[in-house]
Amino acid sequence: MFAIRSLALTASVAAALIVSAGPVAAQNVIGGYQAVIGNADLYNSNGTALSAYWQVIRQDRANYHRFGIQQPGDEWDAWFGSAEMRGALERWVQNGGISAAERAQIMSGGATIYVEVLGQGNRATGVRISLGGAGSAAGAAPAGSAASAAGAAAADGTAPAANDLVIEIE
């Protein structure tokens, strides 16, 4: 069952996307990283241009962990070093949604994103992605929170921001 709740997007510095494998309220932020989407992230390892932003986000992590390709500002993460976990990342992001303007920013390269990894212990079960760089998703107003489709408090206990898009996959 998919429950989707989209709150009105506002003209803010960063907009958040949260995608998870379970109820958002049961998730904890277990870490995060900043990624700068570079030109190399726009192509797969065979040199073919990627056509979707979730592919670009996955390729960024493949470039970082597997191929050693990094942009200034890219940060290490403890979760997406394996192809299996990069596949999970891609599925989580693919099942979410962002505005056309945000897609265009990612697909043109040069965007800086901050990825909060959600889960329990060190087991990742979802992500929250904000455009705008380090800390954007981690409580900086107004994009630092999310709520479940039932209106529960966000994983960090705060109320939803006006520009959050929350998607639960059950």
Protein backbone atom coordinates (compact mmCIF):
# COMPACT_ATOMS: atom_id res chain seq x y z
CA MET A 1 0.00 0.00 0.00
CA PHE A 2 1.34 3.38 -0.93
CA ALA A 3 0.39 6.36 1.14
CA ILE A 4 1.34 9.68 -0.35
CA ARG A 5 1.04 13.05 1.28
CA SER A 6 2.32 16.09 -0.47
CA LEU A 7 2.30 19.36 1.38
CA ALA A 8 2.35 22.60 -0.57
CA LEU A 9 5.83 23.38 -1.85
CA THR A 10 7.12 26.78 -0.86
CA ALA A 11 9.91 28.92 -2.29
CA SER A 12 12.59 27.82 0.13
CA VAL A 13 16.30 27.17 -0.10
CA ALA A 14 15.94 23.38 0.06
CA ALA A 15 13.07 20.96 -0.49
CA ALA A 16 13.05 17.57 1.19
CA LEU A 17 12.23 14.11 -0.11
CA ILE A 18 11.80 11.17 2.19
CA VAL A 19 11.44 7.61 1.04
CA SER A 20 11.42 4.63 3.32
CA ALA A 21 10.73 0.94 3.54
CA GLY A 22 8.41 1.35 6.52
CA PRO A 23 6.54 3.85 8.64
CA VAL A 24 8.42 7.12 8.89
CA ALA A 25 7.71 7.61 12.59
CA ALA A 26 9.55 4.33 13.34
CA GLN A 27 12.68 5.54 11.54
CA ASN A 28 15.67 7.19 13.13
CA VAL A 29 18.28 9.30 11.39
CA ILE A 30 21.35 7.07 11.58
CA GLY A 31 23.69 9.33 9.61
CA GLY A 32 24.07 11.36 6.49
CA TYR A 33 26.37 12.69 3.82
CA GLN A 34 26.69 15.53 1.34
CA ALA A 35 27.04 14.81 -2.37
CA VAL A 36 27.85 17.19 -5.18
CA ILE A 37 26.37 15.99 -8.46
CA GLY A 38 29.16 16.31 -10.99
CA ASN A 39 29.26 15.71 -14.73
CA ALA A 40 30.61 12.18 -14.21
CA ASP A 41 27.52 11.36 -12.12
CA LEU A 42 25.28 12.04 -15.12
CA TYR A 43 26.63 8.98 -17.02
CA ASN A 44 26.76 5.30 -16.16
CA SER A 45 30.01 3.35 -16.15
CA ASN A 46 29.53 2.55 -19.87
CA GLY A 47 29.35 6.27 -20.72
CA THR A 48 25.61 6.31 -21.43
CA ALA A 49 23.73 9.41 -20.24
CA LEU A 50 21.35 8.67 -17.37
CA SER A 51 17.72 9.66 -17.85
CA ALA A 52 16.37 9.87 -14.29
CA TYR A 53 17.46 11.70 -11.16
CA TRP A 54 17.36 8.52 -9.03
CA GLN A 55 19.89 6.95 -11.42
CA VAL A 56 22.14 9.99 -11.00
CA ILE A 57 21.98 9.77 -7.20
CA ARG A 58 22.89 6.08 -7.38
CA GLN A 59 25.72 6.76 -9.86
CA ASP A 60 27.12 9.43 -7.55
CA ARG A 61 27.59 6.78 -4.86
CA ALA A 62 29.00 4.24 -7.35
CA ASN A 63 31.47 6.84 -8.56
CA TYR A 64 32.47 7.67 -4.99
CA HIS A 65 32.80 4.12 -3.64
CA ARG A 66 33.63 1.94 -6.66
CA PHE A 67 35.42 4.20 -9.09
CA GLY A 68 37.01 6.79 -6.78
CA ILE A 69 35.43 9.69 -8.69
CA GLN A 70 34.64 12.56 -6.36
CA GLN A 71 33.76 16.21 -6.60
CA PRO A 72 34.94 18.76 -4.04
CA GLY A 73 32.30 18.64 -1.30
CA ASP A 74 31.45 14.94 -1.71
CA GLU A 75 31.44 13.08 1.60
CA TRP A 76 31.96 9.44 2.50
CA ASP A 77 29.01 7.37 3.69
CA ALA A 78 28.89 4.06 5.55
CA TRP A 79 25.91 2.58 3.70
CA PHE A 80 26.20 2.71 -0.09
CA GLY A 81 29.54 1.04 -0.75
CA SER A 82 27.92 -2.11 -2.14
CA ALA A 83 25.98 -2.47 -5.38
CA GLU A 84 23.12 -4.01 -3.39
CA MET A 85 22.75 -0.98 -1.13
CA ARG A 86 23.11 1.42 -4.07
CA GLY A 87 20.22 -0.48 -5.66
CA ALA A 88 18.17 0.03 -2.50
CA LEU A 89 19.05 3.74 -2.55
CA GLU A 90 17.89 3.99 -6.16
CA ARG A 91 14.58 2.22 -5.38
CA TRP A 92 13.91 4.44 -2.36
CA VAL A 93 14.52 7.59 -4.38
CA GLN A 94 12.63 6.28 -7.43
CA ASN A 95 9.54 5.65 -5.31
CA GLY A 96 9.64 9.23 -4.07
CA GLY A 97 9.12 12.42 -5.95
CA ILE A 98 10.50 15.91 -6.33
CA SER A 99 9.52 18.97 -8.32
CA ALA A 100 10.43 19.44 -11.97
CA ALA A 101 12.78 22.29 -10.99
CA GLU A 102 14.62 20.04 -8.50
CA ARG A 103 14.87 17.24 -11.08
CA ALA A 104 16.34 19.72 -13.55
CA GLN A 105 18.93 20.87 -11.00
CA ILE A 106 20.08 17.30 -10.36
CA MET A 107 19.98 16.28 -14.05
CA SER A 108 22.06 19.28 -15.13
CA GLY A 109 24.84 18.56 -12.63
CA GLY A 110 26.30 20.91 -10.09
CA ALA A 111 23.53 20.38 -7.52
CA THR A 112 24.56 19.78 -3.94
CA ILE A 113 22.35 17.39 -2.00
CA TYR A 114 22.33 16.28 1.61
CA VAL A 115 21.20 12.72 2.24
CA GLU A 116 19.97 11.71 5.68
CA VAL A 117 20.01 7.94 6.07
CA LEU A 118 17.09 6.54 8.05
CA GLY A 119 16.91 3.21 9.81
CA GLN A 120 17.62 1.37 13.03
CA GLY A 121 21.11 0.73 14.39
CA ASN A 122 23.33 0.72 11.32
CA ARG A 123 20.66 -0.82 9.03
CA ALA A 124 19.50 1.71 6.42
CA THR A 125 15.82 1.51 5.49
CA GLY A 126 15.23 4.85 3.77
CA VAL A 127 16.62 8.26 2.96
CA ARG A 128 15.63 11.90 3.18
CA ILE A 129 17.23 14.08 0.50
CA SER A 130 17.44 17.86 0.48
CA LEU A 131 18.82 20.13 -2.18
CA GLY A 132 21.18 22.69 -0.78
CA GLY A 133 24.02 20.84 0.89
CA ALA A 134 25.21 19.81 4.32
CA GLY A 135 22.69 20.01 7.08
CA SER A 136 19.78 21.09 4.89
CA ALA A 137 17.80 18.01 5.86
CA ALA A 138 19.01 17.96 9.44
CA GLY A 139 16.68 20.48 11.01
CA ALA A 140 17.53 23.67 9.15
CA ALA A 141 14.30 25.57 8.64
CA PRO A 142 12.13 24.98 6.82
CA ALA A 143 13.06 21.62 5.24
CA GLY A 144 14.24 19.66 8.27
CA SER A 145 11.24 17.51 9.03
CA ALA A 146 8.75 15.04 7.67
CA ALA A 147 5.58 13.39 8.87
CA SER A 148 3.84 10.15 8.09
CA ALA A 149 0.80 10.05 5.85
CA ALA A 150 -1.29 9.67 8.99
CA GLY A 151 0.03 12.97 10.29
CA ALA A 152 2.32 11.57 12.98
CA ALA A 153 5.41 13.45 14.11
CA ALA A 154 8.52 13.26 11.96
CA ALA A 155 11.37 10.89 12.72
CA ASP A 156 13.10 13.73 14.54
CA GLY A 157 9.93 14.58 16.47
CA THR A 158 9.19 17.85 14.66
CA ALA A 159 6.10 18.88 12.74
CA PRO A 160 6.19 18.72 8.92
CA ALA A 161 7.57 21.72 7.11
CA ALA A 162 5.42 23.34 4.44
CA ASN A 163 7.69 22.12 1.63
CA ASP A 164 8.20 18.48 2.64
CA LEU A 165 7.12 15.63 0.41
CA VAL A 166 6.61 12.43 2.35
CA ILE A 167 6.17 9.03 0.78
CA GLU A 168 5.70 5.84 2.75
CA ILE A 169 6.04 2.41 1.21
CA GLU A 170 4.43 -0.38 3.23
